[in-house]
């Protein structure tokens, strides 16, 4: 009977290698704790939020997702256009990690050159004199500058009182329904002629501001039988209370728009009114001997239904051109990583952002423009109602 022989073996461990392994493990654990601590120590408004994930995802085309689905089911790839290629995973990883799109040098230059992001818009419809040197400028001063108390002129305070009195005498119709929603994401944007300051960076006020233009627009629409709901809550105050920066204004206003949509199912149109930061000579036009603040329509392109919003803005632009030549500066598309690119317009296919005048315009000039917009929009609205009725 043969005996089974078992071979013995020994494992030798190099002391140097063991030390390296232990050190690397400790470093990895420390790095994990440091990274986790950094994520949890951000102040409110700076942490990772859903809108940041959305911004990262905007650089990924819809075709890329179809290619991913096609890896599991080839049927999906039949819907792809001819010549469509799968996404480059290395490019996507690089873009997410660095916020730089290798196919778009502007994503790098926009961070390094002051003001370069201003030229990231696209002119869809050019009004008189509109080119890439005078696109709308969104001012973003520090929050302490925005919230600082400054004096308004006596004349502008009188205009506020008069507007409030007129509002008490106007009531909308549309069968008692409020179909238009007006909001001001940058509700402290004001106008230098109405304030006791000549510094454009200080053109902000808690009462004498763009909200008065929105109130005037609502009154003019209601005079024409269109019910309007105006959001009057203090969005900039909400930013201050939450410790958010100015660029979170649209996140704050989004909550209010979604709340309004949930409470009022009759709302059909959503207007976000702003004031441009360009000087007076670029935002003023004389029509029939009267000065108006010029208007520009801004459409966000970082969502799927921007084309419907563009159609609404284009129709209003064309109507203004017909009745008030030169009043509209055109329609601008803002999209990409260097801008918000949504402006909450993804919530509705009838949402637009309107810039009324600039820092150098007066309330009277903006009121005239608001009346002109109310005139052309009411015609647009009632014509559409007539067609639907037929």
Protein backbone atom coordinates (compact mmCIF):
# COMPACT_ATOMS: atom_id res chain seq x y z
CA UNK A 1 0.00 0.00 0.00
CA UNK A 2 1.47 3.31 -1.17
CA UNK A 3 1.60 6.24 1.11
CA UNK A 4 0.31 9.57 -0.17
CA UNK A 5 2.90 12.24 -0.18
CA UNK A 6 1.94 15.86 0.40
CA UNK A 7 4.17 18.57 -0.79
CA UNK A 8 4.57 21.44 1.58
CA UNK A 9 4.91 25.00 0.40
CA UNK A 10 5.83 28.21 2.05
CA UNK A 11 4.77 31.77 1.35
CA UNK A 12 7.39 34.41 1.78
CA UNK A 13 6.28 37.97 2.31
CA UNK A 14 8.63 40.78 1.65
CA UNK A 15 8.62 43.10 4.61
CA UNK A 16 8.98 46.16 2.33
CA UNK A 17 5.95 45.15 0.24
CA UNK A 18 3.90 44.56 3.37
CA UNK A 19 4.76 48.00 4.68
CA UNK A 20 3.77 49.60 1.35
CA UNK A 21 0.45 47.78 1.39
CA UNK A 22 -0.32 48.94 4.93
CA UNK A 23 0.68 52.53 4.15
CA UNK A 24 -1.39 52.65 0.96
CA UNK A 25 -4.41 51.26 2.81
CA UNK A 26 -4.11 53.91 5.50
CA UNK A 27 -3.72 56.66 2.90
CA UNK A 28 -6.77 55.41 1.00
CA UNK A 29 -8.88 55.41 4.16
CA UNK A 30 -7.68 58.91 5.07
CA UNK A 31 -8.44 60.17 1.54
CA UNK A 32 -11.93 58.68 1.75
CA UNK A 33 -12.63 60.45 5.05
CA UNK A 34 -11.22 63.75 3.74
CA UNK A 35 -13.33 63.58 0.58
CA UNK A 36 -16.46 62.71 2.56
CA UNK A 37 -15.76 65.56 4.97
CA UNK A 38 -15.41 68.02 2.12
CA UNK A 39 -18.76 67.00 0.64
CA UNK A 40 -20.55 67.41 3.95
CA UNK A 41 -18.87 70.67 4.98
CA UNK A 42 -20.10 72.81 2.10
CA UNK A 43 -22.31 75.71 3.09
CA UNK A 44 -25.94 75.70 1.87
CA UNK A 45 -26.06 76.46 -1.83
CA UNK A 46 -22.59 75.02 -2.53
CA UNK A 47 -23.15 71.33 -2.09
CA UNK A 48 -23.95 68.82 -4.78
CA UNK A 49 -27.51 69.47 -5.96
CA UNK A 50 -29.83 68.02 -8.58
CA UNK A 51 -29.37 71.07 -10.81
CA UNK A 52 -25.61 70.43 -10.92
CA UNK A 53 -26.23 66.86 -12.01
CA UNK A 54 -28.56 68.27 -14.66
CA UNK A 55 -25.84 70.66 -15.85
CA UNK A 56 -23.39 67.78 -16.19
CA UNK A 57 -25.98 65.80 -18.14
CA UNK A 58 -26.69 68.65 -20.58
CA UNK A 59 -23.42 67.91 -22.33
CA UNK A 60 -24.62 64.40 -23.15
CA UNK A 61 -26.69 64.11 -26.31
CA UNK A 62 -29.92 62.16 -26.50
CA UNK A 63 -28.32 59.95 -29.13
CA UNK A 64 -25.72 58.88 -26.57
CA UNK A 65 -28.41 57.42 -24.32
CA UNK A 66 -29.89 55.55 -27.29
CA UNK A 67 -26.47 54.06 -27.99
CA UNK A 68 -26.27 52.89 -24.37
CA UNK A 69 -29.71 51.28 -24.64
CA UNK A 70 -28.59 49.72 -27.92
CA UNK A 71 -25.89 47.81 -26.08
CA UNK A 72 -28.65 45.71 -24.52
CA UNK A 73 -31.20 45.82 -27.31
CA UNK A 74 -30.02 46.48 -30.89
CA UNK A 75 -33.57 47.49 -31.82
CA UNK A 76 -33.04 50.94 -30.30
CA UNK A 77 -30.15 51.73 -32.63
CA UNK A 78 -32.50 51.59 -35.63
CA UNK A 79 -33.89 54.97 -34.55
CA UNK A 80 -30.46 56.60 -34.77
CA UNK A 81 -29.68 58.81 -37.78
CA UNK A 82 -27.18 57.65 -40.37
CA UNK A 83 -23.61 58.30 -39.38
CA UNK A 84 -24.37 58.48 -35.66
CA UNK A 85 -21.42 57.26 -33.60
CA UNK A 86 -21.34 55.94 -30.02
CA UNK A 87 -20.23 58.42 -27.36
CA UNK A 88 -16.61 58.64 -26.32
CA UNK A 89 -16.49 57.49 -22.72
CA UNK A 90 -13.14 59.19 -22.21
CA UNK A 91 -14.57 62.53 -23.40
CA UNK A 92 -17.61 62.19 -21.13
CA UNK A 93 -15.46 61.30 -18.11
CA UNK A 94 -13.13 64.20 -18.83
CA UNK A 95 -16.04 66.62 -19.21
CA UNK A 96 -17.71 65.52 -15.95
CA UNK A 97 -14.42 65.69 -14.04
CA UNK A 98 -13.21 69.05 -15.38
CA UNK A 99 -16.34 70.83 -16.68
CA UNK A 100 -14.46 71.25 -19.96
CA UNK A 101 -15.88 69.95 -23.22
CA UNK A 102 -12.99 68.81 -25.47
CA UNK A 103 -15.16 69.55 -28.52
CA UNK A 104 -15.94 73.11 -27.41
CA UNK A 105 -12.93 75.33 -26.52
CA UNK A 106 -15.34 77.99 -25.18
CA UNK A 107 -15.90 75.82 -22.10
CA UNK A 108 -12.26 76.47 -21.17
CA UNK A 109 -11.98 80.05 -22.36
CA UNK A 110 -15.23 81.00 -20.68
CA UNK A 111 -13.68 80.27 -17.30
CA UNK A 112 -10.41 82.05 -17.99
CA UNK A 113 -11.45 85.19 -19.90
CA UNK A 114 -13.63 87.70 -17.99
CA UNK A 115 -16.92 88.32 -19.77
CA UNK A 116 -16.37 85.59 -22.36
CA UNK A 117 -19.51 83.75 -21.23
CA UNK A 118 -21.56 86.74 -22.43
CA UNK A 119 -20.94 85.62 -26.01
CA UNK A 120 -22.18 82.08 -25.46
CA UNK A 121 -25.69 82.93 -26.66
CA UNK A 122 -27.08 82.42 -30.13
CA UNK A 123 -29.19 84.98 -31.96
CA UNK A 124 -32.28 83.17 -33.24
CA UNK A 125 -34.07 86.32 -34.42
CA UNK A 126 -32.15 89.59 -34.67
CA UNK A 127 -33.94 92.81 -33.91
CA UNK A 128 -32.75 96.17 -35.21
CA UNK A 129 -29.07 96.68 -34.29
CA UNK A 130 -28.76 93.35 -32.47
CA UNK A 131 -25.47 91.51 -32.90
CA UNK A 132 -23.01 89.52 -30.78
CA UNK A 133 -21.56 92.69 -29.24
CA UNK A 134 -24.78 93.67 -27.45
CA UNK A 135 -26.31 90.42 -26.22
CA UNK A 136 -28.24 90.60 -22.94
CA UNK A 137 -26.00 90.87 -19.88
CA UNK A 138 -27.06 89.29 -16.59
CA UNK A 139 -25.48 91.24 -13.74
CA UNK A 140 -24.43 89.22 -10.71
CA UNK A 141 -23.14 91.54 -7.99
CA UNK A 142 -22.39 90.22 -4.49
CA UNK A 143 -25.41 89.52 -2.33
CA UNK A 144 -24.46 92.24 0.16
CA UNK A 145 -24.60 94.80 -2.66
CA UNK A 146 -28.01 93.58 -3.78
CA UNK A 147 -29.48 93.57 -0.28
CA UNK A 148 -27.99 96.92 0.76
CA UNK A 149 -30.53 99.64 1.54
CA UNK A 150 -30.32 102.64 -0.79
CA UNK A 151 -32.54 105.64 -1.36
CA UNK A 152 -35.09 105.84 -4.14
CA UNK A 153 -36.09 109.18 -5.63
CA UNK A 154 -39.30 110.84 -4.44
CA UNK A 155 -40.64 110.65 -7.98
CA UNK A 156 -40.16 106.87 -8.15
CA UNK A 157 -41.90 106.39 -4.79
CA UNK A 158 -44.81 108.43 -6.13
CA UNK A 159 -44.93 106.16 -9.19
CA UNK A 160 -45.17 103.17 -6.87
CA UNK A 161 -48.17 104.64 -5.06
CA UNK A 162 -49.87 105.54 -8.32
CA UNK A 163 -49.36 102.05 -9.72
CA UNK A 164 -50.85 100.50 -6.60
CA UNK A 165 -53.94 102.71 -6.91
CA UNK A 166 -54.42 101.80 -10.56
CA UNK A 167 -54.10 98.12 -9.73
CA UNK A 168 -57.03 98.29 -7.34
CA UNK A 169 -59.31 99.38 -10.20
CA UNK A 170 -58.35 96.67 -12.69
CA UNK A 171 -59.71 93.12 -12.71
CA UNK A 172 -59.04 90.39 -15.27
CA UNK A 173 -61.57 88.29 -17.13
CA UNK A 174 -60.92 85.04 -19.10
CA UNK A 175 -64.01 83.70 -17.36
CA UNK A 176 -62.48 84.46 -13.96
CA UNK A 177 -59.39 82.34 -14.68
CA UNK A 178 -55.80 83.46 -14.24
CA UNK A 179 -54.03 82.18 -17.33
CA UNK A 180 -50.77 84.18 -17.21
CA UNK A 181 -48.16 83.83 -14.47
CA UNK A 182 -45.57 86.61 -14.00
CA UNK A 183 -42.49 86.18 -11.85
CA UNK A 184 -39.20 88.05 -11.35
CA UNK A 185 -36.30 85.73 -10.54
CA UNK A 186 -34.06 88.78 -10.03
CA UNK A 187 -36.72 90.83 -8.31
CA UNK A 188 -34.38 93.56 -6.97
CA UNK A 189 -33.14 94.63 -10.42
CA UNK A 190 -33.76 98.37 -10.59
CA UNK A 191 -33.08 101.44 -12.73
CA UNK A 192 -30.55 104.21 -12.05
CA UNK A 193 -32.89 107.15 -12.88
CA UNK A 194 -35.17 105.95 -10.07
CA UNK A 195 -32.42 105.70 -7.44
CA UNK A 196 -30.08 108.08 -5.66
CA UNK A 197 -27.00 106.49 -7.23
CA UNK A 198 -25.14 106.50 -10.55
CA UNK A 199 -23.30 103.22 -10.01
CA UNK A 200 -24.70 100.46 -12.28
CA UNK A 201 -23.61 97.82 -9.74
CA UNK A 202 -25.94 99.45 -7.21
CA UNK A 203 -29.00 99.40 -9.46
CA UNK A 204 -30.93 97.22 -7.01
CA UNK A 205 -33.78 98.13 -4.69
CA UNK A 206 -36.22 96.16 -2.56
CA UNK A 207 -39.32 98.09 -3.76
CA UNK A 208 -38.46 100.26 -6.79
CA UNK A 209 -37.48 97.52 -9.20
CA UNK A 210 -38.48 95.29 -12.11
CA UNK A 211 -41.53 94.01 -10.17
CA UNK A 212 -43.25 97.33 -10.91
CA UNK A 213 -42.91 96.59 -14.62
CA UNK A 214 -44.44 93.17 -14.03
CA UNK A 215 -47.31 94.79 -12.13
CA UNK A 216 -47.87 97.25 -14.97
CA UNK A 217 -47.88 94.42 -17.50
CA UNK A 218 -50.43 92.50 -15.45
CA UNK A 219 -52.70 95.55 -15.23
CA UNK A 220 -52.54 96.13 -18.98
CA UNK A 221 -53.32 92.47 -19.67
CA UNK A 222 -56.26 92.51 -17.29
CA UNK A 223 -57.60 95.65 -18.97
CA UNK A 224 -57.71 93.51 -22.10
CA UNK A 225 -59.62 90.71 -20.37
CA UNK A 226 -56.73 88.37 -19.53
CA UNK A 227 -56.49 87.15 -15.94
CA UNK A 228 -52.98 87.34 -14.47
CA UNK A 229 -51.29 85.92 -11.39
CA UNK A 230 -48.21 87.87 -10.22
CA UNK A 231 -45.70 86.24 -7.87
CA UNK A 232 -44.88 88.86 -5.24
CA UNK A 233 -42.78 86.89 -2.78
CA UNK A 234 -39.21 88.08 -2.21
CA UNK A 235 -36.93 85.72 -4.13
CA UNK A 236 -33.71 87.58 -3.36
CA UNK A 237 -34.66 87.62 0.30
CA UNK A 238 -35.08 83.85 0.10
CA UNK A 239 -31.54 83.55 -1.26
CA UNK A 240 -30.20 85.58 1.63
CA UNK A 241 -32.08 83.55 4.22
CA UNK A 242 -30.78 80.29 2.78
CA UNK A 243 -27.23 81.52 2.29
CA UNK A 244 -27.49 80.95 -1.46
CA UNK A 245 -25.54 82.87 -4.08
CA UNK A 246 -27.09 84.96 -6.86
CA UNK A 247 -26.74 82.19 -9.44
CA UNK A 248 -29.26 80.13 -7.45
CA UNK A 249 -32.05 82.63 -8.19
CA UNK A 250 -33.70 80.34 -10.73
CA UNK A 251 -33.64 77.43 -8.27
CA UNK A 252 -35.47 79.60 -5.74
CA UNK A 253 -38.01 80.90 -8.27
CA UNK A 254 -38.53 77.38 -9.63
CA UNK A 255 -40.05 76.32 -6.32
CA UNK A 256 -42.58 79.15 -6.57
CA UNK A 257 -43.47 78.41 -10.21
CA UNK A 258 -44.02 74.72 -9.45
CA UNK A 259 -46.16 75.68 -6.47
CA UNK A 260 -48.25 78.02 -8.64
CA UNK A 261 -48.71 75.34 -11.28
CA UNK A 262 -49.83 72.87 -8.63
CA UNK A 263 -52.39 75.27 -7.16
CA UNK A 264 -53.72 76.77 -10.40
CA UNK A 265 -54.29 74.41 -13.30
CA UNK A 266 -55.58 77.27 -15.48
CA UNK A 267 -52.13 78.83 -15.92
CA UNK A 268 -51.02 78.62 -19.54
CA UNK A 269 -48.27 81.22 -19.99
CA UNK A 270 -45.26 81.93 -17.80
CA UNK A 271 -43.28 85.17 -18.07
CA UNK A 272 -40.08 85.87 -16.13
CA UNK A 273 -39.29 89.61 -16.30
CA UNK A 274 -35.78 90.99 -15.93
CA UNK A 275 -33.78 94.17 -16.46
CA UNK A 276 -30.72 94.09 -18.72
CA UNK A 277 -27.37 95.51 -17.58
CA UNK A 278 -26.51 97.19 -20.89
CA UNK A 279 -26.30 101.02 -20.99
CA UNK A 280 -29.18 103.25 -22.02
CA UNK A 281 -28.03 103.91 -25.59
CA UNK A 282 -28.43 100.22 -26.39
CA UNK A 283 -31.74 99.66 -24.62
CA UNK A 284 -33.81 102.68 -25.68
CA UNK A 285 -35.79 103.44 -28.82
CA UNK A 286 -37.94 106.41 -29.87
CA UNK A 287 -41.28 105.54 -31.48
CA UNK A 288 -43.74 108.24 -32.55
CA UNK A 289 -41.90 110.79 -30.45
CA UNK A 290 -41.94 108.70 -27.24
CA UNK A 291 -39.07 106.80 -25.68
CA UNK A 292 -39.50 103.10 -24.94
CA UNK A 293 -37.20 100.65 -23.21
CA UNK A 294 -36.29 97.94 -25.69
CA UNK A 295 -37.17 94.30 -25.02
CA UNK A 296 -35.26 91.14 -25.76
CA UNK A 297 -36.66 87.62 -25.46
CA UNK A 298 -34.33 85.00 -23.95
CA UNK A 299 -34.96 81.29 -24.51
CA UNK A 300 -33.13 78.58 -22.57
CA UNK A 301 -31.99 75.69 -24.75
CA UNK A 302 -30.88 73.17 -22.11
CA UNK A 303 -34.15 71.22 -22.25
CA UNK A 304 -36.30 69.38 -24.76
CA UNK A 305 -39.20 71.75 -25.41
CA UNK A 306 -37.32 75.00 -26.05
CA UNK A 307 -38.52 75.11 -29.68
CA UNK A 308 -42.13 75.66 -28.55
CA UNK A 309 -41.02 78.48 -26.27
CA UNK A 310 -39.03 79.95 -29.13
CA UNK A 311 -42.12 79.89 -31.36
CA UNK A 312 -44.05 81.97 -28.79
CA UNK A 313 -41.19 84.47 -28.47
CA UNK A 314 -40.83 84.69 -32.24
CA UNK A 315 -44.55 85.40 -32.70
CA UNK A 316 -44.46 88.18 -30.09
CA UNK A 317 -41.30 89.64 -31.63
CA UNK A 318 -42.89 89.74 -35.09
CA UNK A 319 -46.02 91.41 -33.72
CA UNK A 320 -43.95 94.03 -31.91
CA UNK A 321 -41.96 94.69 -35.08
CA UNK A 322 -45.19 95.29 -36.97
CA UNK A 323 -46.75 97.66 -34.43
CA UNK A 324 -43.67 99.12 -32.71
CA UNK A 325 -40.68 98.86 -35.07
CA UNK A 326 -37.40 98.67 -33.20
CA UNK A 327 -38.93 97.92 -29.81
CA UNK A 328 -37.83 94.28 -29.80
CA UNK A 329 -34.12 93.48 -29.83
CA UNK A 330 -34.89 89.97 -30.99
CA UNK A 331 -34.83 86.43 -29.61
CA UNK A 332 -31.68 85.01 -28.00
CA UNK A 333 -30.97 81.34 -27.27
CA UNK A 334 -28.85 80.62 -24.18
CA UNK A 335 -27.59 77.09 -23.77
CA UNK A 336 -24.52 75.13 -22.82
CA UNK A 337 -22.51 74.80 -19.62
CA UNK A 338 -21.74 78.50 -19.20
CA UNK A 339 -25.34 79.52 -18.54
CA UNK A 340 -28.37 78.31 -16.61
CA UNK A 341 -29.87 77.37 -19.95
CA UNK A 342 -33.31 76.51 -18.58
CA UNK A 343 -34.64 79.57 -16.74
CA UNK A 344 -37.46 77.25 -15.56
CA UNK A 345 -38.80 77.15 -19.12
CA UNK A 346 -38.59 73.37 -19.07
CA UNK A 347 -41.70 73.45 -16.88
CA UNK A 348 -43.91 74.68 -19.73
CA UNK A 349 -43.87 74.98 -23.52
CA UNK A 350 -45.29 78.50 -23.15
CA UNK A 351 -42.61 80.07 -20.98
CA UNK A 352 -40.31 82.94 -21.93
CA UNK A 353 -37.90 85.33 -20.26
CA UNK A 354 -38.17 89.02 -21.17
CA UNK A 355 -35.48 91.62 -20.50
CA UNK A 356 -37.06 95.07 -20.16
CA UNK A 357 -34.68 97.94 -20.83
CA UNK A 358 -31.37 98.42 -19.02
CA UNK A 359 -29.92 100.15 -15.98
CA UNK A 360 -30.36 103.58 -17.61
CA UNK A 361 -34.05 103.36 -18.47
CA UNK A 362 -36.87 104.96 -16.49
CA UNK A 363 -40.03 103.36 -15.19
CA UNK A 364 -42.13 105.43 -17.64
CA UNK A 365 -40.18 103.99 -20.56
CA UNK A 366 -40.64 100.47 -19.20
CA UNK A 367 -44.35 101.08 -18.60
CA UNK A 368 -44.81 102.06 -22.24
CA UNK A 369 -43.05 98.88 -23.32
CA UNK A 370 -45.16 96.79 -20.93
CA UNK A 371 -48.30 98.27 -22.46
CA UNK A 372 -47.01 97.44 -25.95
CA UNK A 373 -46.29 93.83 -24.92
CA UNK A 374 -49.76 93.56 -23.38
CA UNK A 375 -51.30 94.82 -26.61
CA UNK A 376 -49.57 92.32 -28.89
CA UNK A 377 -49.91 89.42 -26.46
CA UNK A 378 -53.64 90.00 -25.94
CA UNK A 379 -54.15 89.92 -29.70
CA UNK A 380 -52.08 86.74 -29.89
CA UNK A 381 -54.06 85.16 -27.04
CA UNK A 382 -57.55 86.05 -28.24
CA UNK A 383 -56.73 85.05 -31.82
CA UNK A 384 -55.61 81.66 -30.53
CA UNK A 385 -58.79 81.34 -28.47
CA UNK A 386 -60.85 82.18 -31.54
CA UNK A 387 -59.10 79.48 -33.58
CA UNK A 388 -59.56 76.92 -30.81
CA UNK A 389 -63.23 77.88 -30.57
CA UNK A 390 -63.77 77.32 -34.26
